[in-house]
PDB file of N, CA and C in Angstrom:
ATOM      1  N   UNK A   1     109.907  99.397  87.306  1.00  0.00           N
ATOM      2  CA  UNK A   1     108.791 100.095  87.472  1.00  0.00           C
ATOM      3  C   UNK A   1     108.901 101.472  86.952  1.00  0.00           C
ATOM      4  N   UNK A   2     107.751 101.965  86.260  1.00  0.00           N
ATOM      5  CA  UNK A   2     107.750 103.110  85.749  1.00  0.00           C
ATOM      6  C   UNK A   2     108.013 104.283  86.817  1.00  0.00           C
ATOM      7  N   UNK A   3     108.552 105.377  86.476  1.00  0.00           N
ATOM      8  CA  UNK A   3     108.616 106.397  87.647  1.00  0.00           C
ATOM      9  C   UNK A   3     107.093 107.140  88.047  1.00  0.00           C
ATOM     10  N   UNK A   4     106.175 106.980  87.228  1.00  0.00           N
ATOM     11  CA  UNK A   4     104.817 107.231  87.347  1.00  0.00           C
ATOM     12  C   UNK A   4     104.187 106.133  87.204  1.00  0.00           C
ATOM     13  N   UNK A   5     103.102 105.552  88.217  1.00  0.00           N
ATOM     14  CA  UNK A   5     102.429 104.485  88.243  1.00  0.00           C
ATOM     15  C   UNK A   5     100.747 105.204  88.805  1.00  0.00           C
ATOM     16  N   UNK A   6      99.768 104.477  88.364  1.00  0.00           N
ATOM     17  CA  UNK A   6      98.434 104.801  88.707  1.00  0.00           C
ATOM     18  C   UNK A   6      97.537 103.550  88.951  1.00  0.00           C
ATOM     19  N   UNK A   7      96.608 104.029  89.623  1.00  0.00           N
ATOM     20  CA  UNK A   7      95.336 102.812  89.842  1.00  0.00           C
ATOM     21  C   UNK A   7      94.011 103.541  89.663  1.00  0.00           C
ATOM     22  N   UNK A   8      92.978 102.887  89.440  1.00  0.00           N
ATOM     23  CA  UNK A   8      91.675 103.356  89.631  1.00  0.00           C
ATOM     24  C   UNK A   8      90.799 102.345  90.230  1.00  0.00           C
ATOM     25  N   UNK A   9      90.101 102.788  91.427  1.00  0.00           N
ATOM     26  CA  UNK A   9      89.351 101.910  91.940  1.00  0.00           C
ATOM     27  C   UNK A   9      87.721 102.310  91.796  1.00  0.00           C
ATOM     28  N   UNK A  10      86.951 101.942  91.492  1.00  0.00           N
ATOM     29  CA  UNK A  10      85.432 102.516  91.321  1.00  0.00           C
ATOM     30  C   UNK A  10      85.053 102.199  92.492  1.00  0.00           C
ATOM     31  N   UNK A  11      84.640 103.241  93.355  1.00  0.00           N
ATOM     32  CA  UNK A  11      84.282 102.819  94.878  1.00  0.00           C
ATOM     33  C   UNK A  11      82.830 102.472  94.946  1.00  0.00           C
ATOM     34  N   UNK A  12      82.218 102.788  93.754  1.00  0.00           N
ATOM     35  CA  UNK A  12      80.661 102.640  93.803  1.00  0.00           C
ATOM     36  C   UNK A  12      80.297 101.118  93.539  1.00  0.00           C
ATOM     37  N   UNK A  13      81.164 100.471  92.947  1.00  0.00           N
ATOM     38  CA  UNK A  13      81.005  98.888  92.612  1.00  0.00           C
ATOM     39  C   UNK A  13      82.119  98.106  93.658  1.00  0.00           C
ATOM     40  N   UNK A  14      82.936  98.881  93.952  1.00  0.00           N
ATOM     41  CA  UNK A  14      84.288  98.219  94.913  1.00  0.00           C
ATOM     42  C   UNK A  14      85.102  97.235  94.061  1.00  0.00           C
ATOM     43  N   UNK A  15      84.988  97.729  92.654  1.00  0.00           N
ATOM     44  CA  UNK A  15      86.133  97.002  91.779  1.00  0.00           C
ATOM     45  C   UNK A  15      87.092  97.923  91.262  1.00  0.00           C
ATOM     46  N   UNK A  16      88.087  97.233  90.710  1.00  0.00           N
ATOM     47  CA  UNK A  16      88.972  98.002  89.792  1.00  0.00           C
ATOM     48  C   UNK A  16      88.440  98.337  88.550  1.00  0.00           C
ATOM     49  N   UNK A  17      88.781  99.872  87.997  1.00  0.00           N
ATOM     50  CA  UNK A  17      88.321 100.089  86.511  1.00  0.00           C
ATOM     51  C   UNK A  17      89.251  99.676  85.825  1.00  0.00           C
ATOM     52  N   UNK A  18      88.898  98.668  84.783  1.00  0.00           N
ATOM     53  CA  UNK A  18      89.776  97.891  83.958  1.00  0.00           C
ATOM     54  C   UNK A  18      89.587  98.649  82.559  1.00  0.00           C
ATOM     55  N   UNK A  19      90.674  98.838  81.829  1.00  0.00           N
ATOM     56  CA  UNK A  19      90.735  99.286  80.410  1.00  0.00           C
ATOM     57  C   UNK A  19      90.323 100.952  80.281  1.00  0.00           C
ATOM     58  N   UNK A  20      90.810 101.632  81.264  1.00  0.00           N
ATOM     59  CA  UNK A  20      90.421 102.952  81.073  1.00  0.00           C
ATOM     60  C   UNK A  20      91.846 103.668  80.632  1.00  0.00           C
ATOM     61  N   UNK A  21      91.527 104.254  79.528  1.00  0.00           N
ATOM     62  CA  UNK A  21      92.500 105.105  78.878  1.00  0.00           C
ATOM     63  C   UNK A  21      93.289 106.271  79.814  1.00  0.00           C
ATOM     64  N   UNK A  22      94.459 106.154  79.971  1.00  0.00           N
ATOM     65  CA  UNK A  22      95.118 107.069  80.843  1.00  0.00           C
ATOM     66  C   UNK A  22      96.373 107.823  80.143  1.00  0.00           C
ATOM     67  N   UNK A  23      96.245 109.106  80.301  1.00  0.00           N
ATOM     68  CA  UNK A  23      97.492 109.853  79.250  1.00  0.00           C
ATOM     69  C   UNK A  23      98.196 110.795  80.291  1.00  0.00           C
ATOM     70  N   UNK A  24      99.337 110.780  80.098  1.00  0.00           N
ATOM     71  CA  UNK A  24     100.284 111.834  80.932  1.00  0.00           C
ATOM     72  C   UNK A  24     100.762 113.081  80.100  1.00  0.00           C
ATOM     73  N   UNK A  25     100.695 114.181  80.400  1.00  0.00           N
ATOM     74  CA  UNK A  25     101.083 115.392  79.868  1.00  0.00           C
ATOM     75  C   UNK A  25     102.090 116.353  80.765  1.00  0.00           C
ATOM     76  N   UNK A  26     103.004 116.949  80.104  1.00  0.00           N
ATOM     77  CA  UNK A  26     103.669 117.856  80.756  1.00  0.00           C
ATOM     78  C   UNK A  26     103.367 119.237  80.412  1.00  0.00           C
ATOM     79  N   UNK A  27     103.487 120.041  81.530  1.00  0.00           N
ATOM     80  CA  UNK A  27     103.122 121.566  81.078  1.00  0.00           C
ATOM     81  C   UNK A  27     104.409 122.279  80.941  1.00  0.00           C
ATOM     82  N   UNK A  28     104.300 122.911  79.528  1.00  0.00           N
ATOM     83  CA  UNK A  28     105.327 123.809  78.940  1.00  0.00           C
ATOM     84  C   UNK A  28     104.714 125.241  78.799  1.00  0.00           C
ATOM     85  N   UNK A  29     105.078 126.121  79.713  1.00  0.00           N
ATOM     86  CA  UNK A  29     104.633 127.488  79.618  1.00  0.00           C
ATOM     87  C   UNK A  29     103.134 127.386  79.760  1.00  0.00           C
ATOM     88  N   UNK A  30     102.304 127.523  78.849  1.00  0.00           N
ATOM     89  CA  UNK A  30     100.746 127.630  78.946  1.00  0.00           C
ATOM     90  C   UNK A  30     100.324 126.389  78.053  1.00  0.00           C
ATOM     91  N   UNK A  31     101.302 125.542  77.491  1.00  0.00           N
ATOM     92  CA  UNK A  31     100.597 124.404  76.799  1.00  0.00           C
ATOM     93  C   UNK A  31     101.104 123.194  77.316  1.00  0.00           C
ATOM     94  N   UNK A  32     100.071 122.092  76.830  1.00  0.00           N
ATOM     95  CA  UNK A  32     100.500 120.809  77.506  1.00  0.00           C
ATOM     96  C   UNK A  32     100.853 119.729  76.502  1.00  0.00           C
ATOM     97  N   UNK A  33     102.083 119.214  76.835  1.00  0.00           N
ATOM     98  CA  UNK A  33     102.352 118.319  75.656  1.00  0.00           C
ATOM     99  C   UNK A  33     102.246 116.727  76.154  1.00  0.00           C
ATOM    100  N   UNK A  34     101.695 116.069  75.253  1.00  0.00           N
ATOM    101  CA  UNK A  34     101.339 114.312  75.513  1.00  0.00           C
ATOM    102  C   UNK A  34     103.023 113.749  75.393  1.00  0.00           C
ATOM    103  N   UNK A  35     103.072 113.027  76.685  1.00  0.00           N
ATOM    104  CA  UNK A  35     104.342 112.168  77.014  1.00  0.00           C
ATOM    105  C   UNK A  35     104.173 110.718  76.861  1.00  0.00           C
ATOM    106  N   UNK A  36     103.134 110.362  77.293  1.00  0.00           N
ATOM    107  CA  UNK A  36     102.807 108.907  77.391  1.00  0.00           C
ATOM    108  C   UNK A  36     101.445 108.443  77.687  1.00  0.00           C
ATOM    109  N   UNK A  37     101.142 107.333  77.132  1.00  0.00           N
ATOM    110  CA  UNK A  37      99.523 106.784  77.449  1.00  0.00           C
ATOM    111  C   UNK A  37      99.660 105.341  77.773  1.00  0.00           C
ATOM    112  N   UNK A  38      98.339 104.889  78.327  1.00  0.00           N
ATOM    113  CA  UNK A  38      98.182 103.199  78.520  1.00  0.00           C
ATOM    114  C   UNK A  38      96.793 103.067  78.842  1.00  0.00           C
ATOM    115  N   UNK A  39      96.498 101.839  79.321  1.00  0.00           N
ATOM    116  CA  UNK A  39      95.095 101.361  79.852  1.00  0.00           C
ATOM    117  C   UNK A  39      95.227 100.709  81.065  1.00  0.00           C
ATOM    118  N   UNK A  40      94.472 100.941  81.924  1.00  0.00           N
ATOM    119  CA  UNK A  40      94.446  99.963  83.196  1.00  0.00           C
ATOM    120  C   UNK A  40      94.232  98.731  82.862  1.00  0.00           C
ATOM    121  N   UNK A  41      94.979  97.814  83.711  1.00  0.00           N
ATOM    122  CA  UNK A  41      94.879  96.384  83.457  1.00  0.00           C
ATOM    123  C   UNK A  41      93.630  95.873  84.334  1.00  0.00           C
ATOM    124  N   UNK A  42      93.696  94.706  84.516  1.00  0.00           N
ATOM    125  CA  UNK A  42      92.760  93.879  85.019  1.00  0.00           C
ATOM    126  C   UNK A  42      92.714  94.281  86.847  1.00  0.00           C
ATOM    127  N   UNK A  43      93.824  94.639  87.273  1.00  0.00           N
ATOM    128  CA  UNK A  43      93.522  95.126  88.638  1.00  0.00           C
ATOM    129  C   UNK A  43      93.389  96.903  88.763  1.00  0.00           C
ATOM    130  N   UNK A  44      93.235  97.423  87.480  1.00  0.00           N
ATOM    131  CA  UNK A  44      93.021  98.918  87.463  1.00  0.00           C
ATOM    132  C   UNK A  44      94.113  99.710  87.581  1.00  0.00           C
ATOM    133  N   UNK A  45      95.273  98.939  87.307  1.00  0.00           N
ATOM    134  CA  UNK A  45      96.657  99.652  87.280  1.00  0.00           C
ATOM    135  C   UNK A  45      97.287  99.925  86.117  1.00  0.00           C
ATOM    136  N   UNK A  46      98.069 101.029  85.862  1.00  0.00           N
ATOM    137  CA  UNK A  46      98.797 101.242  84.847  1.00  0.00           C
ATOM    138  C   UNK A  46     100.386 101.393  85.480  1.00  0.00           C
ATOM    139  N   UNK A  47     101.137 100.170  85.275  1.00  0.00           N
ATOM    140  CA  UNK A  47     102.474 100.411  85.882  1.00  0.00           C
ATOM    141  C   UNK A  47     103.639 100.504  84.975  1.00  0.00           C
ATOM    142  N   UNK A  48     103.427 100.440  83.569  1.00  0.00           N
ATOM    143  CA  UNK A  48     104.127 100.583  82.688  1.00  0.00           C
ATOM    144  C   UNK A  48     104.100 101.902  81.809  1.00  0.00           C
ATOM    145  N   UNK A  49     103.651 103.078  82.287  1.00  0.00           N
ATOM    146  CA  UNK A  49     103.336 104.405  81.540  1.00  0.00           C
ATOM    147  C   UNK A  49     104.753 104.934  80.903  1.00  0.00           C
ATOM    148  N   UNK A  50     105.620 104.914  81.692  1.00  0.00           N
ATOM    149  CA  UNK A  50     107.035 105.073  81.315  1.00  0.00           C
ATOM    150  C   UNK A  50     108.010 103.926  81.018  1.00  0.00           C
ATOM    151  N   UNK A  51     109.166 104.051  80.284  1.00  0.00           N
ATOM    152  CA  UNK A  51     110.005 103.070  80.301  1.00  0.00           C
ATOM    153  C   UNK A  51     110.640 102.784  81.546  1.00  0.00           C
ATOM    154  N   UNK A  52     111.045 101.929  81.938  1.00  0.00           N
ATOM    155  CA  UNK A  52     111.646 101.495  83.484  1.00  0.00           C
ATOM    156  C   UNK A  52     112.671 102.366  83.729  1.00  0.00           C
ATOM    157  N   UNK A  53     113.585 102.725  82.702  1.00  0.00           N
ATOM    158  CA  UNK A  53     114.652 103.450  83.044  1.00  0.00           C
ATOM    159  C   UNK A  53     114.337 105.184  83.071  1.00  0.00           C
ATOM    160  N   UNK A  54     113.259 105.470  82.255  1.00  0.00           N
ATOM    161  CA  UNK A  54     113.041 106.733  81.849  1.00  0.00           C
ATOM    162  C   UNK A  54     112.904 107.483  83.155  1.00  0.00           C
ATOM    163  N   UNK A  55     113.365 108.869  83.410  1.00  0.00           N
ATOM    164  CA  UNK A  55     113.477 109.732  84.435  1.00  0.00           C
ATOM    165  C   UNK A  55     113.005 110.758  83.815  1.00  0.00           C
ATOM    166  N   UNK A  56     111.808 111.554  84.365  1.00  0.00           N
ATOM    167  CA  UNK A  56     111.381 112.965  83.894  1.00  0.00           C
ATOM    168  C   UNK A  56     112.002 114.042  84.652  1.00  0.00           C
ATOM    169  N   UNK A  57     112.169 115.059  83.841  1.00  0.00           N
ATOM    170  CA  UNK A  57     112.658 116.333  84.452  1.00  0.00           C
ATOM    171  C   UNK A  57     111.635 117.020  85.462  1.00  0.00           C
ATOM    172  N   UNK A  58     112.079 117.817  86.211  1.00  0.00           N
ATOM    173  CA  UNK A  58     111.055 118.645  87.285  1.00  0.00           C
ATOM    174  C   UNK A  58     110.286 119.150  86.291  1.00  0.00           C
ATOM    175  N   UNK A  59     109.075 119.437  86.855  1.00  0.00           N
ATOM    176  CA  UNK A  59     108.056 120.236  86.443  1.00  0.00           C
ATOM    177  C   UNK A  59     106.722 119.961  86.792  1.00  0.00           C
ATOM    178  N   UNK A  60     105.651 120.379  86.101  1.00  0.00           N
ATOM    179  CA  UNK A  60     104.044 120.202  86.461  1.00  0.00           C
ATOM    180  C   UNK A  60     103.634 119.099  85.293  1.00  0.00           C
ATOM    181  N   UNK A  61     102.920 118.036  85.820  1.00  0.00           N
ATOM    182  CA  UNK A  61     102.418 117.110  84.969  1.00  0.00           C
ATOM    183  C   UNK A  61     100.914 116.821  85.217  1.00  0.00           C
ATOM    184  N   UNK A  62     100.350 116.007  84.219  1.00  0.00           N
ATOM    185  CA  UNK A  62      98.947 115.823  84.625  1.00  0.00           C
ATOM    186  C   UNK A  62      98.798 114.607  84.101  1.00  0.00           C
ATOM    187  N   UNK A  63      97.756 113.760  84.735  1.00  0.00           N
ATOM    188  CA  UNK A  63      97.178 112.430  84.344  1.00  0.00           C
ATOM    189  C   UNK A  63      95.765 112.827  83.820  1.00  0.00           C
ATOM    190  N   UNK A  64      95.401 112.336  82.638  1.00  0.00           N
ATOM    191  CA  UNK A  64      93.843 112.450  82.297  1.00  0.00           C
ATOM    192  C   UNK A  64      93.329 111.092  82.255  1.00  0.00           C
ATOM    193  N   UNK A  65      92.356 110.766  82.931  1.00  0.00           N
ATOM    194  CA  UNK A  65      91.711 109.554  82.903  1.00  0.00           C
ATOM    195  C   UNK A  65      90.564 109.486  82.207  1.00  0.00           C
ATOM    196  N   UNK A  66      90.214 108.855  81.215  1.00  0.00           N
ATOM    197  CA  UNK A  66      89.146 108.890  80.399  1.00  0.00           C
ATOM    198  C   UNK A  66      88.045 108.067  80.988  1.00  0.00           C
ATOM    199  N   UNK A  67      87.182 108.627  81.966  1.00  0.00           N
ATOM    200  CA  UNK A  67      86.247 107.909  82.892  1.00  0.00           C
ATOM    201  C   UNK A  67      85.026 107.553  82.128  1.00  0.00           C
ATOM    202  N   UNK A  68      84.727 108.217  81.224  1.00  0.00           N
ATOM    203  CA  UNK A  68      83.147 108.211  80.722  1.00  0.00           C
ATOM    204  C   UNK A  68      83.201 106.932  80.074  1.00  0.00           C
ATOM    205  N   UNK A  69      83.971 106.319  79.407  1.00  0.00           N
ATOM    206  CA  UNK A  69      84.013 104.974  78.680  1.00  0.00           C
ATOM    207  C   UNK A  69      83.805 103.926  79.775  1.00  0.00           C
ATOM    208  N   UNK A  70      84.462 104.092  80.855  1.00  0.00           N
ATOM    209  CA  UNK A  70      84.371 102.862  81.969  1.00  0.00           C
ATOM    210  C   UNK A  70      82.776 102.885  82.402  1.00  0.00           C
ATOM    211  N   UNK A  71      82.268 103.886  82.688  1.00  0.00           N
ATOM    212  CA  UNK A  71      80.758 104.028  83.180  1.00  0.00           C
ATOM    213  C   UNK A  71      79.933 103.615  82.029  1.00  0.00           C
ATOM    214  N   UNK A  72      79.991 104.036  80.722  1.00  0.00           N
ATOM    215  CA  UNK A  72      79.268 103.703  79.691  1.00  0.00           C
ATOM    216  C   UNK A  72      79.175 102.201  79.501  1.00  0.00           C
ATOM    217  N   UNK A  73      80.578 101.563  79.670  1.00  0.00           N
ATOM    218  CA  UNK A  73      80.163  99.879  79.562  1.00  0.00           C
ATOM    219  C   UNK A  73      79.757  99.239  80.703  1.00  0.00           C
ATOM    220  N   UNK A  74      79.549 100.004  81.512  1.00  0.00           N
ATOM    221  CA  UNK A  74      78.724  99.391  82.789  1.00  0.00           C
ATOM    222  C   UNK A  74      77.280  99.950  82.966  1.00  0.00           C
ATOM    223  N   UNK A  75      76.935 100.790  81.767  1.00  0.00           N
ATOM    224  CA  UNK A  75      75.694 101.254  81.890  1.00  0.00           C
ATOM    225  C   UNK A  75      75.210 102.273  82.977  1.00  0.00           C
ATOM    226  N   UNK A  76      76.301 102.987  83.427  1.00  0.00           N
ATOM    227  CA  UNK A  76      76.100 104.088  84.540  1.00  0.00           C
ATOM    228  C   UNK A  76      76.260 105.398  84.104  1.00  0.00           C
ATOM    229  N   UNK A  77      75.166 106.224  84.529  1.00  0.00           N
ATOM    230  CA  UNK A  77      75.274 107.415  84.118  1.00  0.00           C
ATOM    231  C   UNK A  77      76.318 108.194  85.266  1.00  0.00           C
ATOM    232  N   UNK A  78      77.188 108.981  84.552  1.00  0.00           N
ATOM    233  CA  UNK A  78      77.951 109.628  85.496  1.00  0.00           C
ATOM    234  C   UNK A  78      78.262 111.327  85.266  1.00  0.00           C
ATOM    235  N   UNK A  79      78.752 111.984  85.884  1.00  0.00           N
ATOM    236  CA  UNK A  79      78.830 113.195  85.744  1.00  0.00           C
ATOM    237  C   UNK A  79      80.136 113.933  85.087  1.00  0.00           C
ATOM    238  N   UNK A  80      81.299 113.211  85.394  1.00  0.00           N
ATOM    239  CA  UNK A  80      82.504 113.574  84.796  1.00  0.00           C
ATOM    240  C   UNK A  80      82.878 112.724  83.470  1.00  0.00           C
ATOM    241  N   UNK A  81      82.930 113.245  82.556  1.00  0.00           N
ATOM    242  CA  UNK A  81      83.424 112.550  81.382  1.00  0.00           C
ATOM    243  C   UNK A  81      84.978 112.199  81.167  1.00  0.00           C
ATOM    244  N   UNK A  82      85.873 112.880  81.997  1.00  0.00           N
ATOM    245  CA  UNK A  82      87.285 112.586  82.272  1.00  0.00           C
ATOM    246  C   UNK A  82      87.672 113.385  83.522  1.00  0.00           C
ATOM    247  N   UNK A  83      88.556 112.751  83.971  1.00  0.00           N
ATOM    248  CA  UNK A  83      89.314 113.488  85.292  1.00  0.00           C
ATOM    249  C   UNK A  83      90.795 113.591  85.103  1.00  0.00           C
ATOM    250  N   UNK A  84      91.060 114.940  85.524  1.00  0.00           N
ATOM    251  CA  UNK A  84      92.527 115.524  85.161  1.00  0.00           C
ATOM    252  C   UNK A  84      93.011 115.685  86.688  1.00  0.00           C
ATOM    253  N   UNK A  85      94.193 115.094  86.894  1.00  0.00           N
ATOM    254  CA  UNK A  85      95.014 115.189  88.234  1.00  0.00           C
ATOM    255  C   UNK A  85      96.314 115.942  87.582  1.00  0.00           C
ATOM    256  N   UNK A  86      96.465 117.272  88.326  1.00  0.00           N
ATOM    257  CA  UNK A  86      97.578 117.891  88.050  1.00  0.00           C
ATOM    258  C   UNK A  86      98.591 117.916  89.268  1.00  0.00           C
ATOM    259  N   UNK A  87     100.083 117.610  88.971  1.00  0.00           N
ATOM    260  CA  UNK A  87     100.819 117.494  90.218  1.00  0.00           C
ATOM    261  C   UNK A  87     102.268 117.995  89.677  1.00  0.00           C
ATOM    262  N   UNK A  88     103.088 118.059  90.800  1.00  0.00           N
ATOM    263  CA  UNK A  88     104.576 118.312  90.401  1.00  0.00           C
ATOM    264  C   UNK A  88     105.490 117.149  90.562  1.00  0.00           C
ATOM    265  N   UNK A  89     106.328 117.025  89.787  1.00  0.00           N
ATOM    266  CA  UNK A  89     107.536 116.159  89.616  1.00  0.00           C
ATOM    267  C   UNK A  89     108.756 117.016  90.200  1.00  0.00           C
ATOM    268  N   UNK A  90     109.318 116.742  91.351  1.00  0.00           N
ATOM    269  CA  UNK A  90     110.583 117.544  91.768  1.00  0.00           C
ATOM    270  C   UNK A  90     111.805 116.746  91.599  1.00  0.00           C
ATOM    271  N   UNK A  91     111.763 115.428  91.665  1.00  0.00           N
ATOM    272  CA  UNK A  91     112.870 114.762  91.506  1.00  0.00           C
ATOM    273  C   UNK A  91     112.840 113.404  90.996  1.00  0.00           C
ATOM    274  N   UNK A  92     113.854 112.449  91.024  1.00  0.00           N
ATOM    275  CA  UNK A  92     113.670 111.245  90.348  1.00  0.00           C
ATOM    276  C   UNK A  92     112.911 110.039  91.132  1.00  0.00           C
ATOM    277  N   UNK A  93     112.138 110.616  92.302  1.00  0.00           N
ATOM    278  CA  UNK A  93     111.455 109.503  93.010  1.00  0.00           C
ATOM    279  C   UNK A  93     110.372 108.927  92.207  1.00  0.00           C
ATOM    280  N   UNK A  94     109.436 107.693  92.731  1.00  0.00           N
ATOM    281  CA  UNK A  94     108.527 107.278  92.205  1.00  0.00           C
ATOM    282  C   UNK A  94     107.296 108.043  92.672  1.00  0.00           C
ATOM    283  N   UNK A  95     106.373 108.338  91.698  1.00  0.00           N
ATOM    284  CA  UNK A  95     105.174 108.844  92.018  1.00  0.00           C
ATOM    285  C   UNK A  95     103.928 107.920  91.553  1.00  0.00           C
ATOM    286  N   UNK A  96     103.412 107.607  92.591  1.00  0.00           N
ATOM    287  CA  UNK A  96     102.052 106.819  92.409  1.00  0.00           C
ATOM    288  C   UNK A  96     100.832 107.756  92.604  1.00  0.00           C
ATOM    289  N   UNK A  97      99.998 107.734  91.479  1.00  0.00           N
ATOM    290  CA  UNK A  97      98.847 108.845  91.726  1.00  0.00           C
ATOM    291  C   UNK A  97      97.486 108.051  91.528  1.00  0.00           C
ATOM    292  N   UNK A  98      96.996 107.480  92.780  1.00  0.00           N
ATOM    293  CA  UNK A  98      95.651 106.659  92.662  1.00  0.00           C
ATOM    294  C   UNK A  98      94.461 107.498  92.525  1.00  0.00           C
ATOM    295  N   UNK A  99      93.558 106.945  91.785  1.00  0.00           N
ATOM    296  CA  UNK A  99      92.085 107.661  91.569  1.00  0.00           C
ATOM    297  C   UNK A  99      90.939 106.648  92.158  1.00  0.00           C
ATOM    298  N   UNK A 100      90.333 107.250  93.100  1.00  0.00           N
ATOM    299  CA  UNK A 100      89.119 106.563  93.770  1.00  0.00           C
ATOM    300  C   UNK A 100      88.032 107.224  93.157  1.00  0.00           C
ATOM    301  N   UNK A 101      87.094 106.663  92.455  1.00  0.00           N
ATOM    302  CA  UNK A 101      86.301 107.054  91.395  1.00  0.00           C
ATOM    303  C   UNK A 101      84.997 106.540  91.665  1.00  0.00           C
ATOM    304  N   UNK A 102      83.873 107.445  91.471  1.00  0.00           N
ATOM    305  CA  UNK A 102      82.299 106.787  91.478  1.00  0.00           C
ATOM    306  C   UNK A 102      81.591 107.722  90.592  1.00  0.00           C
ATOM    307  N   UNK A 103      80.422 107.542  90.062  1.00  0.00           N
ATOM    308  CA  UNK A 103      79.833 108.075  89.133  1.00  0.00           C
ATOM    309  C   UNK A 103      79.885 109.868  89.234  1.00  0.00           C
ATOM    310  N   UNK A 104      79.605 110.175  90.506  1.00  0.00           N
ATOM    311  CA  UNK A 104      79.485 111.584  90.770  1.00  0.00           C
ATOM    312  C   UNK A 104      80.510 112.299  91.664  1.00  0.00           C
ATOM    313  N   UNK A 105      81.692 111.641  91.792  1.00  0.00           N
ATOM    314  CA  UNK A 105      82.728 112.092  92.495  1.00  0.00           C
ATOM    315  C   UNK A 105      84.094 111.441  92.348  1.00  0.00           C
ATOM    316  N   UNK A 106      85.142 111.986  92.950  1.00  0.00           N
ATOM    317  CA  UNK A 106      86.432 111.379  92.645  1.00  0.00           C
ATOM    318  C   UNK A 106      87.309 111.708  94.015  1.00  0.00           C
ATOM    319  N   UNK A 107      88.544 111.004  94.208  1.00  0.00           N
ATOM    320  CA  UNK A 107      89.236 111.627  95.100  1.00  0.00           C
ATOM    321  C   UNK A 107      90.802 111.055  94.693  1.00  0.00           C
ATOM    322  N   UNK A 108      91.768 111.837  94.944  1.00  0.00           N
ATOM    323  CA  UNK A 108      93.160 111.322  94.627  1.00  0.00           C
ATOM    324  C   UNK A 108      94.154 111.572  95.763  1.00  0.00           C
ATOM    325  N   UNK A 109      95.189 110.869  95.566  1.00  0.00           N
ATOM    326  CA  UNK A 109      96.512 111.186  96.772  1.00  0.00           C
ATOM    327  C   UNK A 109      97.868 110.732  96.003  1.00  0.00           C
ATOM    328  N   UNK A 110      98.794 111.308  96.820  1.00  0.00           N
ATOM    329  CA  UNK A 110      99.933 110.581  96.477  1.00  0.00           C
ATOM    330  C   UNK A 110     100.304 109.410  97.273  1.00  0.00           C
ATOM    331  N   UNK A 111     100.149 108.179  96.433  1.00  0.00           N
ATOM    332  CA  UNK A 111     100.501 106.798  97.144  1.00  0.00           C
ATOM    333  C   UNK A 111     101.937 106.525  96.980  1.00  0.00           C
ATOM    334  N   UNK A 112     102.310 105.351  97.516  1.00  0.00           N
ATOM    335  CA  UNK A 112     103.392 104.834  97.578  1.00  0.00           C
ATOM    336  C   UNK A 112     103.612 103.668  96.736  1.00  0.00           C
TER     337      UNK A 112
END
């Protein structure tokens, strides 16, 4: 399993958000460097963002979720064209970053 995984649940519809582009970046001073990208599967999950053995160094990272396309395909007006979640990686642990999404709000937490 990838060191970083995520999933998206559209809480307004009660279904996983399939086909959403997810991009991982690492902060280096004031700049962000793209590291990896993927798309959510039929369960709204990205489990293979990094290669199985790849361990990221400690630092500040962000996941960028391209949410507008998801709502556009469903014909739903939304407020956020994308969502960015910024977080620390401190060690080689597994980091799961879920996104609970609706057209006018979102929440996230560190999952397991």
